Amino acid sequence: MANEISCDTCSNYVYDEEEEGYVCDVDMDEDDVARMSLHMNRGCPYYSLDDEYRIVRHQM
């Protein structure tokens, strides 16, 4: 899939101690989840690049 984005680099992909694994930390309702599962090849609309240097570059 050309537009597929890896969750590993998303800032919304966080470790959940209760689940003992990584989960998407976006507050989605059932409609959002269904829409995403139908259109998996479009990429995630909630994807946010986990760029820890973004703030530093902005200050320069």
PDB file of N, CA and C in Angstrom:
ATOM      1  N   MET A   1       0.833  -1.181   0.000  1.00  0.00           N
ATOM      2  CA  MET A   1       0.000   0.000   0.000  1.00  0.00           C
ATOM      3  C   MET A   1       0.873   1.238   0.000  1.00  0.00           C
ATOM      4  N   ALA A   2       0.720   2.062  -0.977  1.00  0.00           N
ATOM      5  CA  ALA A   2       1.586   3.215  -1.161  1.00  0.00           C
ATOM      6  C   ALA A   2       1.379   4.288  -0.099  1.00  0.00           C
ATOM      7  N   ASN A   3       0.151   4.481   0.373  1.00  0.00           N
ATOM      8  CA  ASN A   3      -0.141   5.543   1.325  1.00  0.00           C
ATOM      9  C   ASN A   3      -0.114   5.071   2.771  1.00  0.00           C
ATOM     10  N   GLU A   4       0.281   3.833   2.979  1.00  0.00           N
ATOM     11  CA  GLU A   4       0.280   3.297   4.324  1.00  0.00           C
ATOM     12  C   GLU A   4       1.363   3.968   5.159  1.00  0.00           C
ATOM     13  N   ILE A   5       1.005   4.363   6.368  1.00  0.00           N
ATOM     14  CA  ILE A   5       1.924   5.029   7.275  1.00  0.00           C
ATOM     15  C   ILE A   5       2.109   4.133   8.488  1.00  0.00           C
ATOM     16  N   SER A   6       3.327   3.999   8.943  1.00  0.00           N
ATOM     17  CA  SER A   6       3.622   3.149  10.078  1.00  0.00           C
ATOM     18  C   SER A   6       3.227   3.829  11.389  1.00  0.00           C
ATOM     19  N   CYS A   7       2.498   3.111  12.217  1.00  0.00           N
ATOM     20  CA  CYS A   7       2.105   3.643  13.524  1.00  0.00           C
ATOM     21  C   CYS A   7       3.324   3.861  14.420  1.00  0.00           C
ATOM     22  N   ASP A   8       4.411   3.153  14.151  1.00  0.00           N
ATOM     23  CA  ASP A   8       5.606   3.263  14.981  1.00  0.00           C
ATOM     24  C   ASP A   8       6.159   4.679  15.043  1.00  0.00           C
ATOM     25  N   THR A   9       5.914   5.489  14.024  1.00  0.00           N
ATOM     26  CA  THR A   9       6.441   6.850  14.000  1.00  0.00           C
ATOM     27  C   THR A   9       5.389   7.892  14.361  1.00  0.00           C
ATOM     28  N   CYS A  10       4.224   7.462  14.800  1.00  0.00           N
ATOM     29  CA  CYS A  10       3.128   8.376  15.127  1.00  0.00           C
ATOM     30  C   CYS A  10       3.191   8.771  16.600  1.00  0.00           C
ATOM     31  N   SER A  11       2.970  10.045  16.890  1.00  0.00           N
ATOM     32  CA  SER A  11       3.006  10.503  18.281  1.00  0.00           C
ATOM     33  C   SER A  11       1.779  10.051  19.063  1.00  0.00           C
ATOM     34  N   ASN A  12       0.743   9.555  18.379  1.00  0.00           N
ATOM     35  CA  ASN A  12      -0.457   9.047  19.055  1.00  0.00           C
ATOM     36  C   ASN A  12      -0.331   7.574  19.432  1.00  0.00           C
ATOM     37  N   TYR A  13       0.758   6.936  19.062  1.00  0.00           N
ATOM     38  CA  TYR A  13       0.987   5.519  19.327  1.00  0.00           C
ATOM     39  C   TYR A  13       1.778   5.410  20.620  1.00  0.00           C
ATOM     40  N   VAL A  14       1.100   5.123  21.734  1.00  0.00           N
ATOM     41  CA  VAL A  14       1.723   5.159  23.057  1.00  0.00           C
ATOM     42  C   VAL A  14       1.595   3.811  23.756  1.00  0.00           C
ATOM     43  N   TYR A  15       2.460   3.587  24.729  1.00  0.00           N
ATOM     44  CA  TYR A  15       2.434   2.341  25.492  1.00  0.00           C
ATOM     45  C   TYR A  15       1.357   2.431  26.561  1.00  0.00           C
ATOM     46  N   ASP A  16       0.492   1.427  26.626  1.00  0.00           N
ATOM     47  CA  ASP A  16      -0.581   1.354  27.617  1.00  0.00           C
ATOM     48  C   ASP A  16      -0.225   0.230  28.591  1.00  0.00           C
ATOM     49  N   GLU A  17      -0.009   0.602  29.852  1.00  0.00           N
ATOM     50  CA  GLU A  17       0.395  -0.385  30.850  1.00  0.00           C
ATOM     51  C   GLU A  17      -0.704  -1.408  31.124  1.00  0.00           C
ATOM     52  N   GLU A  18      -1.971  -0.996  31.073  1.00  0.00           N
ATOM     53  CA  GLU A  18      -3.069  -1.932  31.297  1.00  0.00           C
ATOM     54  C   GLU A  18      -3.155  -2.980  30.189  1.00  0.00           C
ATOM     55  N   GLU A  19      -2.969  -2.559  28.947  1.00  0.00           N
ATOM     56  CA  GLU A  19      -3.006  -3.462  27.802  1.00  0.00           C
ATOM     57  C   GLU A  19      -1.678  -4.197  27.610  1.00  0.00           C
ATOM     58  N   GLU A  20      -0.632  -3.677  28.264  1.00  0.00           N
ATOM     59  CA  GLU A  20       0.731  -4.201  28.142  1.00  0.00           C
ATOM     60  C   GLU A  20       1.183  -4.237  26.689  1.00  0.00           C
ATOM     61  N   GLY A  21       0.926  -3.135  26.008  1.00  0.00           N
ATOM     62  CA  GLY A  21       1.329  -3.008  24.615  1.00  0.00           C
ATOM     63  C   GLY A  21       1.031  -1.613  24.102  1.00  0.00           C
ATOM     64  N   TYR A  22       1.407  -1.371  22.866  1.00  0.00           N
ATOM     65  CA  TYR A  22       1.199  -0.065  22.258  1.00  0.00           C
ATOM     66  C   TYR A  22      -0.202   0.027  21.662  1.00  0.00           C
ATOM     67  N   VAL A  23      -0.828   1.196  21.851  1.00  0.00           N
ATOM     68  CA  VAL A  23      -2.180   1.445  21.338  1.00  0.00           C
ATOM     69  C   VAL A  23      -2.234   2.849  20.750  1.00  0.00           C
ATOM     70  N   CYS A  24      -3.233   3.074  19.917  1.00  0.00           N
ATOM     71  CA  CYS A  24      -3.471   4.406  19.366  1.00  0.00           C
ATOM     72  C   CYS A  24      -4.229   5.214  20.407  1.00  0.00           C
ATOM     73  N   ASP A  25      -3.708   6.371  20.771  1.00  0.00           N
ATOM     74  CA  ASP A  25      -4.266   7.194  21.840  1.00  0.00           C
ATOM     75  C   ASP A  25      -5.157   8.314  21.302  1.00  0.00           C
ATOM     76  N   VAL A  26      -5.900   8.030  20.249  1.00  0.00           N
ATOM     77  CA  VAL A  26      -6.812   9.011  19.666  1.00  0.00           C
ATOM     78  C   VAL A  26      -8.227   8.656  20.108  1.00  0.00           C
ATOM     79  N   ASP A  27      -8.971   9.655  20.533  1.00  0.00           N
ATOM     80  CA  ASP A  27     -10.343   9.439  20.987  1.00  0.00           C
ATOM     81  C   ASP A  27     -11.248   9.324  19.764  1.00  0.00           C
ATOM     82  N   MET A  28     -11.551   8.075  19.369  1.00  0.00           N
ATOM     83  CA  MET A  28     -12.387   7.818  18.192  1.00  0.00           C
ATOM     84  C   MET A  28     -13.689   7.173  18.633  1.00  0.00           C
ATOM     85  N   ASP A  29     -14.768   7.500  17.924  1.00  0.00           N
ATOM     86  CA  ASP A  29     -16.017   6.801  18.182  1.00  0.00           C
ATOM     87  C   ASP A  29     -16.141   5.621  17.217  1.00  0.00           C
ATOM     88  N   GLU A  30     -17.214   4.867  17.332  1.00  0.00           N
ATOM     89  CA  GLU A  30     -17.384   3.664  16.513  1.00  0.00           C
ATOM     90  C   GLU A  30     -17.420   3.985  15.022  1.00  0.00           C
ATOM     91  N   ASP A  31     -18.009   5.130  14.659  1.00  0.00           N
ATOM     92  CA  ASP A  31     -18.078   5.522  13.251  1.00  0.00           C
ATOM     93  C   ASP A  31     -16.689   5.772  12.674  1.00  0.00           C
ATOM     94  N   ASP A  32     -15.824   6.430  13.449  1.00  0.00           N
ATOM     95  CA  ASP A  32     -14.455   6.697  12.992  1.00  0.00           C
ATOM     96  C   ASP A  32     -13.693   5.393  12.764  1.00  0.00           C
ATOM     97  N   VAL A  33     -13.836   4.456  13.697  1.00  0.00           N
ATOM     98  CA  VAL A  33     -13.138   3.172  13.583  1.00  0.00           C
ATOM     99  C   VAL A  33     -13.635   2.413  12.353  1.00  0.00           C
ATOM    100  N   ALA A  34     -14.942   2.407  12.134  1.00  0.00           N
ATOM    101  CA  ALA A  34     -15.498   1.717  10.969  1.00  0.00           C
ATOM    102  C   ALA A  34     -15.018   2.363   9.676  1.00  0.00           C
ATOM    103  N   ARG A  35     -14.988   3.684   9.629  1.00  0.00           N
ATOM    104  CA  ARG A  35     -14.528   4.411   8.439  1.00  0.00           C
ATOM    105  C   ARG A  35     -13.066   4.096   8.136  1.00  0.00           C
ATOM    106  N   MET A  36     -12.246   4.050   9.177  1.00  0.00           N
ATOM    107  CA  MET A  36     -10.826   3.751   8.977  1.00  0.00           C
ATOM    108  C   MET A  36     -10.629   2.317   8.496  1.00  0.00           C
ATOM    109  N   SER A  37     -11.412   1.372   9.006  1.00  0.00           N
ATOM    110  CA  SER A  37     -11.239  -0.020   8.588  1.00  0.00           C
ATOM    111  C   SER A  37     -11.692  -0.234   7.142  1.00  0.00           C
ATOM    112  N   LEU A  38     -12.628   0.571   6.680  1.00  0.00           N
ATOM    113  CA  LEU A  38     -13.079   0.470   5.292  1.00  0.00           C
ATOM    114  C   LEU A  38     -12.080   1.089   4.311  1.00  0.00           C
ATOM    115  N   HIS A  39     -11.326   2.069   4.775  1.00  0.00           N
ATOM    116  CA  HIS A  39     -10.412   2.810   3.898  1.00  0.00           C
ATOM    117  C   HIS A  39      -8.974   2.697   4.396  1.00  0.00           C
ATOM    118  N   MET A  40      -8.530   1.483   4.679  1.00  0.00           N
ATOM    119  CA  MET A  40      -7.189   1.266   5.224  1.00  0.00           C
ATOM    120  C   MET A  40      -6.077   1.728   4.287  1.00  0.00           C
ATOM    121  N   ASN A  41      -6.308   1.750   2.982  1.00  0.00           N
ATOM    122  CA  ASN A  41      -5.244   2.120   2.050  1.00  0.00           C
ATOM    123  C   ASN A  41      -5.064   3.628   1.919  1.00  0.00           C
ATOM    124  N   ARG A  42      -5.890   4.418   2.548  1.00  0.00           N
ATOM    125  CA  ARG A  42      -5.768   5.880   2.463  1.00  0.00           C
ATOM    126  C   ARG A  42      -4.825   6.466   3.499  1.00  0.00           C
ATOM    127  N   GLY A  43      -4.451   5.702   4.480  1.00  0.00           N
ATOM    128  CA  GLY A  43      -3.607   6.222   5.544  1.00  0.00           C
ATOM    129  C   GLY A  43      -4.461   6.749   6.682  1.00  0.00           C
ATOM    130  N   CYS A  44      -3.864   6.949   7.796  1.00  0.00           N
ATOM    131  CA  CYS A  44      -4.574   7.361   9.003  1.00  0.00           C
ATOM    132  C   CYS A  44      -4.764   8.877   9.033  1.00  0.00           C
ATOM    133  N   PRO A  45      -6.001   9.350   9.211  1.00  0.00           N
ATOM    134  CA  PRO A  45      -6.227  10.795   9.284  1.00  0.00           C
ATOM    135  C   PRO A  45      -5.727  11.401  10.590  1.00  0.00           C
ATOM    136  N   TYR A  46      -5.414  10.567  11.574  1.00  0.00           N
ATOM    137  CA  TYR A  46      -4.942  11.050  12.875  1.00  0.00           C
ATOM    138  C   TYR A  46      -3.435  10.942  13.023  1.00  0.00           C
ATOM    139  N   TYR A  47      -2.757  10.556  11.954  1.00  0.00           N
ATOM    140  CA  TYR A  47      -1.305  10.397  12.010  1.00  0.00           C
ATOM    141  C   TYR A  47      -0.632  11.725  12.309  1.00  0.00           C
ATOM    142  N   SER A  48       0.254  11.698  13.282  1.00  0.00           N
ATOM    143  CA  SER A  48       1.029  12.879  13.647  1.00  0.00           C
ATOM    144  C   SER A  48       2.470  12.429  13.817  1.00  0.00           C
ATOM    145  N   LEU A  49       3.353  12.955  13.002  1.00  0.00           N
ATOM    146  CA  LEU A  49       4.752  12.543  13.031  1.00  0.00           C
ATOM    147  C   LEU A  49       5.354  12.790  14.401  1.00  0.00           C
ATOM    148  N   ASP A  50       5.974  11.779  14.964  1.00  0.00           N
ATOM    149  CA  ASP A  50       6.637  11.888  16.261  1.00  0.00           C
ATOM    150  C   ASP A  50       8.004  12.514  16.036  1.00  0.00           C
ATOM    151  N   ASP A  51       8.011  13.823  15.871  1.00  0.00           N
ATOM    152  CA  ASP A  51       9.228  14.564  15.554  1.00  0.00           C
ATOM    153  C   ASP A  51       9.672  15.341  16.786  1.00  0.00           C
ATOM    154  N   GLU A  52      10.574  14.761  17.570  1.00  0.00           N
ATOM    155  CA  GLU A  52      10.985  15.390  18.818  1.00  0.00           C
ATOM    156  C   GLU A  52      11.836  16.644  18.610  1.00  0.00           C
ATOM    157  N   TYR A  53      12.307  16.884  17.401  1.00  0.00           N
ATOM    158  CA  TYR A  53      13.113  18.078  17.142  1.00  0.00           C
ATOM    159  C   TYR A  53      12.309  19.204  16.511  1.00  0.00           C
ATOM    160  N   ARG A  54      11.013  19.035  16.329  1.00  0.00           N
ATOM    161  CA  ARG A  54      10.169  20.044  15.688  1.00  0.00           C
ATOM    162  C   ARG A  54      10.233  21.383  16.439  1.00  0.00           C
ATOM    163  N   ILE A  55      10.133  21.342  17.771  1.00  0.00           N
ATOM    164  CA  ILE A  55      10.145  22.563  18.568  1.00  0.00           C
ATOM    165  C   ILE A  55      11.492  23.264  18.452  1.00  0.00           C
ATOM    166  N   VAL A  56      12.576  22.505  18.479  1.00  0.00           N
ATOM    167  CA  VAL A  56      13.906  23.082  18.380  1.00  0.00           C
ATOM    168  C   VAL A  56      14.088  23.793  17.042  1.00  0.00           C
ATOM    169  N   ARG A  57      13.654  23.169  15.952  1.00  0.00           N
ATOM    170  CA  ARG A  57      13.770  23.800  14.648  1.00  0.00           C
ATOM    171  C   ARG A  57      12.934  25.072  14.580  1.00  0.00           C
ATOM    172  N   HIS A  58      11.798  25.084  15.245  1.00  0.00           N
ATOM    173  CA  HIS A  58      10.934  26.268  15.242  1.00  0.00           C
ATOM    174  C   HIS A  58      11.601  27.441  15.976  1.00  0.00           C
ATOM    175  N   GLN A  59      12.382  27.148  17.008  1.00  0.00           N
ATOM    176  CA  GLN A  59      13.036  28.183  17.800  1.00  0.00           C
ATOM    177  C   GLN A  59      14.250  28.769  17.112  1.00  0.00           C
ATOM    178  N   MET A  60      14.787  28.075  16.114  1.00  0.00           N
ATOM    179  CA  MET A  60      16.009  28.550  15.460  1.00  0.00           C
ATOM    180  C   MET A  60      15.741  29.701  14.536  1.00  0.00           C
TER     181      MET A  60
END
